Amino acid sequence: MDFLRERAYPWFKETALCVIRWLQVGKNGKLALILSSSPEIHDKNLEELGMRWWVGFSFTWMSELYAIQQNGEAAAFQLKLF
């Protein structure tokens, strides 16, 4: 429990505070990052760039997010794309 209180929580708290400073309210009223979270994209959207910009990690990461949501069909689809 000491690790969580003394090391993990302070680290996550500072990380969250850092990211919060980067957020801005978009035209749709939702928070959005003012910086690209992926430097190779240079603030373009992936639909515009096409799938050549995606890497295997992107597909497996999306697959895991769907699996966590217990959406096996969407998880499997992401892996098939890769």
PDB file of N, CA and C in Angstrom:
ATOM      1  N   MET A   1       0.814  -1.185   0.000  1.00  0.00           N
ATOM      2  CA  MET A   1       0.000   0.000   0.000  1.00  0.00           C
ATOM      3  C   MET A   1       0.870   1.265   0.000  1.00  0.00           C
ATOM      4  N   ASP A   2       2.047   1.190   0.608  1.00  0.00           N
ATOM      5  CA  ASP A   2       2.936   2.351   0.627  1.00  0.00           C
ATOM      6  C   ASP A   2       3.349   2.751  -0.785  1.00  0.00           C
ATOM      7  N   PHE A   3       3.594   1.741  -1.637  1.00  0.00           N
ATOM      8  CA  PHE A   3       3.983   2.042  -3.016  1.00  0.00           C
ATOM      9  C   PHE A   3       2.899   2.851  -3.716  1.00  0.00           C
ATOM     10  N   LEU A   4       1.647   2.427  -3.561  1.00  0.00           N
ATOM     11  CA  LEU A   4       0.551   3.128  -4.217  1.00  0.00           C
ATOM     12  C   LEU A   4       0.438   4.568  -3.716  1.00  0.00           C
ATOM     13  N   ARG A   5       0.509   4.742  -2.423  1.00  0.00           N
ATOM     14  CA  ARG A   5       0.346   6.064  -1.825  1.00  0.00           C
ATOM     15  C   ARG A   5       1.542   6.979  -2.110  1.00  0.00           C
ATOM     16  N   GLU A   6       2.735   6.425  -2.001  1.00  0.00           N
ATOM     17  CA  GLU A   6       3.939   7.245  -2.063  1.00  0.00           C
ATOM     18  C   GLU A   6       4.525   7.399  -3.467  1.00  0.00           C
ATOM     19  N   ARG A   7       4.291   6.424  -4.351  1.00  0.00           N
ATOM     20  CA  ARG A   7       4.917   6.487  -5.671  1.00  0.00           C
ATOM     21  C   ARG A   7       3.904   6.537  -6.810  1.00  0.00           C
ATOM     22  N   ALA A   8       2.998   5.561  -6.836  1.00  0.00           N
ATOM     23  CA  ALA A   8       2.082   5.449  -7.974  1.00  0.00           C
ATOM     24  C   ALA A   8       1.098   6.625  -8.035  1.00  0.00           C
ATOM     25  N   TYR A   9       0.412   6.899  -6.932  1.00  0.00           N
ATOM     26  CA  TYR A   9      -0.586   7.973  -6.953  1.00  0.00           C
ATOM     27  C   TYR A   9       0.032   9.322  -7.313  1.00  0.00           C
ATOM     28  N   PRO A  10       1.134   9.738  -6.668  1.00  0.00           N
ATOM     29  CA  PRO A  10       1.722  11.032  -7.051  1.00  0.00           C
ATOM     30  C   PRO A  10       2.110  11.093  -8.534  1.00  0.00           C
ATOM     31  N   TRP A  11       2.629   9.990  -9.072  1.00  0.00           N
ATOM     32  CA  TRP A  11       3.023   9.974 -10.476  1.00  0.00           C
ATOM     33  C   TRP A  11       1.800  10.147 -11.380  1.00  0.00           C
ATOM     34  N   PHE A  12       0.739   9.362 -11.125  1.00  0.00           N
ATOM     35  CA  PHE A  12      -0.468   9.469 -11.945  1.00  0.00           C
ATOM     36  C   PHE A  12      -1.133  10.834 -11.791  1.00  0.00           C
ATOM     37  N   LYS A  13      -1.123  11.382 -10.577  1.00  0.00           N
ATOM     38  CA  LYS A  13      -1.712  12.694 -10.346  1.00  0.00           C
ATOM     39  C   LYS A  13      -0.989  13.757 -11.173  1.00  0.00           C
ATOM     40  N   GLU A  14       0.334  13.763 -11.132  1.00  0.00           N
ATOM     41  CA  GLU A  14       1.102  14.751 -11.893  1.00  0.00           C
ATOM     42  C   GLU A  14       0.937  14.556 -13.403  1.00  0.00           C
ATOM     43  N   THR A  15       0.875  13.315 -13.838  1.00  0.00           N
ATOM     44  CA  THR A  15       0.656  13.033 -15.257  1.00  0.00           C
ATOM     45  C   THR A  15      -0.703  13.564 -15.701  1.00  0.00           C
ATOM     46  N   ALA A  16      -1.740  13.310 -14.897  1.00  0.00           N
ATOM     47  CA  ALA A  16      -3.084  13.797 -15.228  1.00  0.00           C
ATOM     48  C   ALA A  16      -3.119  15.318 -15.262  1.00  0.00           C
ATOM     49  N   LEU A  17      -2.485  15.966 -14.313  1.00  0.00           N
ATOM     50  CA  LEU A  17      -2.454  17.429 -14.288  1.00  0.00           C
ATOM     51  C   LEU A  17      -1.747  17.981 -15.527  1.00  0.00           C
ATOM     52  N   CYS A  18      -0.720  17.299 -15.966  1.00  0.00           N
ATOM     53  CA  CYS A  18      -0.006  17.711 -17.170  1.00  0.00           C
ATOM     54  C   CYS A  18      -0.912  17.609 -18.392  1.00  0.00           C
ATOM     55  N   VAL A  19      -1.578  16.490 -18.550  1.00  0.00           N
ATOM     56  CA  VAL A  19      -2.448  16.289 -19.709  1.00  0.00           C
ATOM     57  C   VAL A  19      -3.624  17.262 -19.671  1.00  0.00           C
ATOM     58  N   ILE A  20      -4.170  17.511 -18.492  1.00  0.00           N
ATOM     59  CA  ILE A  20      -5.292  18.442 -18.370  1.00  0.00           C
ATOM     60  C   ILE A  20      -4.914  19.824 -18.890  1.00  0.00           C
ATOM     61  N   ARG A  21      -3.673  20.231 -18.667  1.00  0.00           N
ATOM     62  CA  ARG A  21      -3.225  21.544 -19.154  1.00  0.00           C
ATOM     63  C   ARG A  21      -3.215  21.606 -20.676  1.00  0.00           C
ATOM     64  N   TRP A  22      -3.110  20.469 -21.343  1.00  0.00           N
ATOM     65  CA  TRP A  22      -3.070  20.436 -22.805  1.00  0.00           C
ATOM     66  C   TRP A  22      -4.459  20.422 -23.435  1.00  0.00           C
ATOM     67  N   LEU A  23      -5.504  20.184 -22.641  1.00  0.00           N
ATOM     68  CA  LEU A  23      -6.851  20.054 -23.186  1.00  0.00           C
ATOM     69  C   LEU A  23      -7.479  21.416 -23.433  1.00  0.00           C
ATOM     70  N   GLN A  24      -8.241  21.493 -24.505  1.00  0.00           N
ATOM     71  CA  GLN A  24      -9.026  22.680 -24.820  1.00  0.00           C
ATOM     72  C   GLN A  24     -10.424  22.230 -25.222  1.00  0.00           C
ATOM     73  N   VAL A  25     -11.394  23.085 -24.997  1.00  0.00           N
ATOM     74  CA  VAL A  25     -12.756  22.784 -25.409  1.00  0.00           C
ATOM     75  C   VAL A  25     -12.860  23.042 -26.904  1.00  0.00           C
ATOM     76  N   GLY A  26     -13.275  22.015 -27.638  1.00  0.00           N
ATOM     77  CA  GLY A  26     -13.414  22.123 -29.082  1.00  0.00           C
ATOM     78  C   GLY A  26     -14.724  22.771 -29.481  1.00  0.00           C
ATOM     79  N   LYS A  27     -14.937  22.921 -30.789  1.00  0.00           N
ATOM     80  CA  LYS A  27     -16.166  23.529 -31.306  1.00  0.00           C
ATOM     81  C   LYS A  27     -17.405  22.738 -30.919  1.00  0.00           C
ATOM     82  N   ASN A  28     -17.229  21.426 -30.735  1.00  0.00           N
ATOM     83  CA  ASN A  28     -18.356  20.575 -30.365  1.00  0.00           C
ATOM     84  C   ASN A  28     -18.591  20.536 -28.851  1.00  0.00           C
ATOM     85  N   GLY A  29     -17.800  21.319 -28.100  1.00  0.00           N
ATOM     86  CA  GLY A  29     -17.961  21.377 -26.648  1.00  0.00           C
ATOM     87  C   GLY A  29     -17.223  20.288 -25.893  1.00  0.00           C
ATOM     88  N   LYS A  30     -16.563  19.398 -26.623  1.00  0.00           N
ATOM     89  CA  LYS A  30     -15.816  18.316 -25.976  1.00  0.00           C
ATOM     90  C   LYS A  30     -14.354  18.708 -25.826  1.00  0.00           C
ATOM     91  N   LEU A  31     -13.719  18.131 -24.807  1.00  0.00           N
ATOM     92  CA  LEU A  31     -12.297  18.381 -24.607  1.00  0.00           C
ATOM     93  C   LEU A  31     -11.486  17.656 -25.670  1.00  0.00           C
ATOM     94  N   ALA A  32     -10.428  18.311 -26.134  1.00  0.00           N
ATOM     95  CA  ALA A  32      -9.558  17.711 -27.146  1.00  0.00           C
ATOM     96  C   ALA A  32      -8.126  18.131 -26.860  1.00  0.00           C
ATOM     97  N   LEU A  33      -7.184  17.279 -27.247  1.00  0.00           N
ATOM     98  CA  LEU A  33      -5.779  17.629 -27.104  1.00  0.00           C
ATOM     99  C   LEU A  33      -5.414  18.692 -28.129  1.00  0.00           C
ATOM    100  N   ILE A  34      -4.685  19.709 -27.692  1.00  0.00           N
ATOM    101  CA  ILE A  34      -4.249  20.740 -28.621  1.00  0.00           C
ATOM    102  C   ILE A  34      -3.024  20.289 -29.402  1.00  0.00           C
ATOM    103  N   LEU A  35      -2.367  19.247 -28.902  1.00  0.00           N
ATOM    104  CA  LEU A  35      -1.200  18.682 -29.567  1.00  0.00           C
ATOM    105  C   LEU A  35      -1.586  17.355 -30.196  1.00  0.00           C
ATOM    106  N   SER A  36      -0.935  16.998 -31.264  1.00  0.00           N
ATOM    107  CA  SER A  36      -1.152  15.677 -31.813  1.00  0.00           C
ATOM    108  C   SER A  36      -0.570  14.662 -30.847  1.00  0.00           C
ATOM    109  N   SER A  37      -1.302  13.597 -30.582  1.00  0.00           N
ATOM    110  CA  SER A  37      -0.790  12.558 -29.702  1.00  0.00           C
ATOM    111  C   SER A  37       0.131  11.606 -30.463  1.00  0.00           C
ATOM    112  N   SER A  38       0.301  11.862 -31.742  1.00  0.00           N
ATOM    113  CA  SER A  38       1.144  11.026 -32.568  1.00  0.00           C
ATOM    114  C   SER A  38       1.925  11.936 -33.516  1.00  0.00           C
ATOM    115  N   PRO A  39       3.191  12.199 -33.230  1.00  0.00           N
ATOM    116  CA  PRO A  39       3.930  13.204 -33.990  1.00  0.00           C
ATOM    117  C   PRO A  39       4.009  12.962 -35.493  1.00  0.00           C
ATOM    118  N   GLU A  40       3.956  11.720 -35.929  1.00  0.00           N
ATOM    119  CA  GLU A  40       4.066  11.470 -37.362  1.00  0.00           C
ATOM    120  C   GLU A  40       2.801  11.858 -38.115  1.00  0.00           C
ATOM    121  N   ILE A  41       1.706  12.088 -37.420  1.00  0.00           N
ATOM    122  CA  ILE A  41       0.452  12.430 -38.074  1.00  0.00           C
ATOM    123  C   ILE A  41       0.354  13.931 -38.320  1.00  0.00           C
ATOM    124  N   HIS A  42       1.002  14.743 -37.527  1.00  0.00           N
ATOM    125  CA  HIS A  42       0.998  16.206 -37.689  1.00  0.00           C
ATOM    126  C   HIS A  42      -0.413  16.777 -37.733  1.00  0.00           C
ATOM    127  N   ASP A  43      -1.233  16.340 -36.766  1.00  0.00           N
ATOM    128  CA  ASP A  43      -2.591  16.856 -36.563  1.00  0.00           C
ATOM    129  C   ASP A  43      -3.569  16.565 -37.696  1.00  0.00           C
ATOM    130  N   LYS A  44      -3.272  15.595 -38.542  1.00  0.00           N
ATOM    131  CA  LYS A  44      -4.238  15.174 -39.557  1.00  0.00           C
ATOM    132  C   LYS A  44      -5.013  13.996 -38.992  1.00  0.00           C
ATOM    133  N   ASN A  45      -6.185  13.752 -39.508  1.00  0.00           N
ATOM    134  CA  ASN A  45      -6.926  12.602 -39.007  1.00  0.00           C
ATOM    135  C   ASN A  45      -6.545  11.353 -39.795  1.00  0.00           C
ATOM    136  N   LEU A  46      -6.736  10.202 -39.167  1.00  0.00           N
ATOM    137  CA  LEU A  46      -6.303   8.945 -39.792  1.00  0.00           C
ATOM    138  C   LEU A  46      -7.106   8.602 -41.039  1.00  0.00           C
ATOM    139  N   GLU A  47      -8.380   9.016 -41.085  1.00  0.00           N
ATOM    140  CA  GLU A  47      -9.167   8.742 -42.282  1.00  0.00           C
ATOM    141  C   GLU A  47      -8.566   9.467 -43.488  1.00  0.00           C
ATOM    142  N   GLU A  48      -8.087  10.677 -43.257  1.00  0.00           N
ATOM    143  CA  GLU A  48      -7.477  11.458 -44.331  1.00  0.00           C
ATOM    144  C   GLU A  48      -6.154  10.827 -44.784  1.00  0.00           C
ATOM    145  N   LEU A  49      -5.376  10.342 -43.827  1.00  0.00           N
ATOM    146  CA  LEU A  49      -4.067   9.780 -44.143  1.00  0.00           C
ATOM    147  C   LEU A  49      -4.164   8.365 -44.709  1.00  0.00           C
ATOM    148  N   GLY A  50      -5.175   7.627 -44.301  1.00  0.00           N
ATOM    149  CA  GLY A  50      -5.315   6.246 -44.730  1.00  0.00           C
ATOM    150  C   GLY A  50      -4.598   5.290 -43.786  1.00  0.00           C
ATOM    151  N   MET A  51      -4.822   4.021 -43.983  1.00  0.00           N
ATOM    152  CA  MET A  51      -4.319   3.010 -43.047  1.00  0.00           C
ATOM    153  C   MET A  51      -2.823   2.781 -43.155  1.00  0.00           C
ATOM    154  N   ARG A  52      -2.171   3.305 -44.157  1.00  0.00           N
ATOM    155  CA  ARG A  52      -0.724   3.088 -44.264  1.00  0.00           C
ATOM    156  C   ARG A  52       0.014   3.698 -43.083  1.00  0.00           C
ATOM    157  N   TRP A  53      -0.627   4.654 -42.391  1.00  0.00           N
ATOM    158  CA  TRP A  53       0.011   5.301 -41.248  1.00  0.00           C
ATOM    159  C   TRP A  53      -0.129   4.491 -39.972  1.00  0.00           C
ATOM    160  N   TRP A  54      -1.038   3.536 -39.972  1.00  0.00           N
ATOM    161  CA  TRP A  54      -1.228   2.718 -38.783  1.00  0.00           C
ATOM    162  C   TRP A  54      -0.139   1.657 -38.727  1.00  0.00           C
ATOM    163  N   VAL A  55       0.169   1.235 -37.536  1.00  0.00           N
ATOM    164  CA  VAL A  55       1.126   0.144 -37.343  1.00  0.00           C
ATOM    165  C   VAL A  55       0.420  -0.968 -36.593  1.00  0.00           C
ATOM    166  N   GLY A  56       1.057  -2.101 -36.511  1.00  0.00           N
ATOM    167  CA  GLY A  56       0.466  -3.244 -35.816  1.00  0.00           C
ATOM    168  C   GLY A  56       0.068  -2.928 -34.390  1.00  0.00           C
ATOM    169  N   PHE A  57       0.864  -2.096 -33.741  1.00  0.00           N
ATOM    170  CA  PHE A  57       0.540  -1.728 -32.362  1.00  0.00           C
ATOM    171  C   PHE A  57      -0.818  -1.044 -32.287  1.00  0.00           C
ATOM    172  N   SER A  58      -1.125  -0.204 -33.269  1.00  0.00           N
ATOM    173  CA  SER A  58      -2.408   0.501 -33.267  1.00  0.00           C
ATOM    174  C   SER A  58      -3.573  -0.479 -33.307  1.00  0.00           C
ATOM    175  N   PHE A  59      -3.457  -1.491 -34.153  1.00  0.00           N
ATOM    176  CA  PHE A  59      -4.540  -2.467 -34.271  1.00  0.00           C
ATOM    177  C   PHE A  59      -4.667  -3.321 -33.021  1.00  0.00           C
ATOM    178  N   THR A  60      -3.538  -3.748 -32.467  1.00  0.00           N
ATOM    179  CA  THR A  60      -3.622  -4.580 -31.269  1.00  0.00           C
ATOM    180  C   THR A  60      -4.109  -3.761 -30.079  1.00  0.00           C
ATOM    181  N   TRP A  61      -3.719  -2.495 -30.019  1.00  0.00           N
ATOM    182  CA  TRP A  61      -4.181  -1.619 -28.944  1.00  0.00           C
ATOM    183  C   TRP A  61      -5.689  -1.417 -29.028  1.00  0.00           C
ATOM    184  N   MET A  62      -6.186  -1.142 -30.233  1.00  0.00           N
ATOM    185  CA  MET A  62      -7.633  -0.993 -30.410  1.00  0.00           C
ATOM    186  C   MET A  62      -8.360  -2.289 -30.083  1.00  0.00           C
ATOM    187  N   SER A  63      -7.768  -3.401 -30.486  1.00  0.00           N
ATOM    188  CA  SER A  63      -8.368  -4.695 -30.186  1.00  0.00           C
ATOM    189  C   SER A  63      -8.477  -4.905 -28.682  1.00  0.00           C
ATOM    190  N   GLU A  64      -7.434  -4.542 -27.954  1.00  0.00           N
ATOM    191  CA  GLU A  64      -7.479  -4.701 -26.497  1.00  0.00           C
ATOM    192  C   GLU A  64      -8.537  -3.802 -25.869  1.00  0.00           C
ATOM    193  N   LEU A  65      -8.663  -2.573 -26.362  1.00  0.00           N
ATOM    194  CA  LEU A  65      -9.697  -1.681 -25.824  1.00  0.00           C
ATOM    195  C   LEU A  65     -11.095  -2.268 -26.029  1.00  0.00           C
ATOM    196  N   TYR A  66     -11.333  -2.829 -27.207  1.00  0.00           N
ATOM    197  CA  TYR A  66     -12.626  -3.464 -27.451  1.00  0.00           C
ATOM    198  C   TYR A  66     -12.806  -4.699 -26.571  1.00  0.00           C
ATOM    199  N   ALA A  67     -11.745  -5.463 -26.376  1.00  0.00           N
ATOM    200  CA  ALA A  67     -11.842  -6.655 -25.534  1.00  0.00           C
ATOM    201  C   ALA A  67     -12.171  -6.277 -24.091  1.00  0.00           C
ATOM    202  N   ILE A  68     -11.574  -5.209 -23.602  1.00  0.00           N
ATOM    203  CA  ILE A  68     -11.868  -4.736 -22.239  1.00  0.00           C
ATOM    204  C   ILE A  68     -13.345  -4.379 -22.121  1.00  0.00           C
ATOM    205  N   GLN A  69     -13.913  -3.852 -23.187  1.00  0.00           N
ATOM    206  CA  GLN A  69     -15.337  -3.501 -23.202  1.00  0.00           C
ATOM    207  C   GLN A  69     -16.218  -4.737 -23.439  1.00  0.00           C
ATOM    208  N   GLN A  70     -15.586  -5.875 -23.544  1.00  0.00           N
ATOM    209  CA  GLN A  70     -16.263  -7.147 -23.813  1.00  0.00           C
ATOM    210  C   GLN A  70     -16.981  -7.126 -25.167  1.00  0.00           C
ATOM    211  N   ASN A  71     -16.344  -6.481 -26.131  1.00  0.00           N
ATOM    212  CA  ASN A  71     -16.865  -6.424 -27.493  1.00  0.00           C
ATOM    213  C   ASN A  71     -15.927  -7.264 -28.365  1.00  0.00           C
ATOM    214  N   GLY A  72     -16.095  -8.575 -28.276  1.00  0.00           N
ATOM    215  CA  GLY A  72     -15.217  -9.499 -28.973  1.00  0.00           C
ATOM    216  C   GLY A  72     -15.249  -9.361 -30.480  1.00  0.00           C
ATOM    217  N   GLU A  73     -16.410  -9.046 -31.031  1.00  0.00           N
ATOM    218  CA  GLU A  73     -16.539  -8.912 -32.484  1.00  0.00           C
ATOM    219  C   GLU A  73     -15.671  -7.752 -32.996  1.00  0.00           C
ATOM    220  N   ALA A  74     -15.745  -6.615 -32.318  1.00  0.00           N
ATOM    221  CA  ALA A  74     -14.932  -5.461 -32.733  1.00  0.00           C
ATOM    222  C   ALA A  74     -13.447  -5.728 -32.489  1.00  0.00           C
ATOM    223  N   ALA A  75     -13.127  -6.429 -31.410  1.00  0.00           N
ATOM    224  CA  ALA A  75     -11.726  -6.771 -31.126  1.00  0.00           C
ATOM    225  C   ALA A  75     -11.161  -7.646 -32.235  1.00  0.00           C
ATOM    226  N   ALA A  76     -11.905  -8.658 -32.634  1.00  0.00           N
ATOM    227  CA  ALA A  76     -11.467  -9.554 -33.690  1.00  0.00           C
ATOM    228  C   ALA A  76     -11.336  -8.815 -35.017  1.00  0.00           C
ATOM    229  N   PHE A  77     -12.248  -7.882 -35.306  1.00  0.00           N
ATOM    230  CA  PHE A  77     -12.184  -7.113 -36.538  1.00  0.00           C
ATOM    231  C   PHE A  77     -10.896  -6.312 -36.619  1.00  0.00           C
ATOM    232  N   GLN A  78     -10.466  -5.685 -35.520  1.00  0.00           N
ATOM    233  CA  GLN A  78      -9.223  -4.913 -35.514  1.00  0.00           C
ATOM    234  C   GLN A  78      -8.033  -5.794 -35.836  1.00  0.00           C
ATOM    235  N   LEU A  79      -8.025  -6.999 -35.292  1.00  0.00           N
ATOM    236  CA  LEU A  79      -6.910  -7.916 -35.558  1.00  0.00           C
ATOM    237  C   LEU A  79      -6.919  -8.410 -37.006  1.00  0.00           C
ATOM    238  N   LYS A  80      -8.115  -8.579 -37.576  1.00  0.00           N
ATOM    239  CA  LYS A  80      -8.193  -8.986 -38.981  1.00  0.00           C
ATOM    240  C   LYS A  80      -7.670  -7.876 -39.903  1.00  0.00           C
ATOM    241  N   LEU A  81      -7.910  -6.614 -39.529  1.00  0.00           N
ATOM    242  CA  LEU A  81      -7.409  -5.503 -40.334  1.00  0.00           C
ATOM    243  C   LEU A  81      -5.908  -5.523 -40.418  1.00  0.00           C
ATOM    244  N   PHE A  82      -5.265  -5.879 -39.296  1.00  0.00           N
ATOM    245  CA  PHE A  82      -3.820  -5.898 -39.268  1.00  0.00           C
ATOM    246  C   PHE A  82      -3.304  -7.057 -40.073  1.00  0.00           C
TER     247      PHE A  82
END
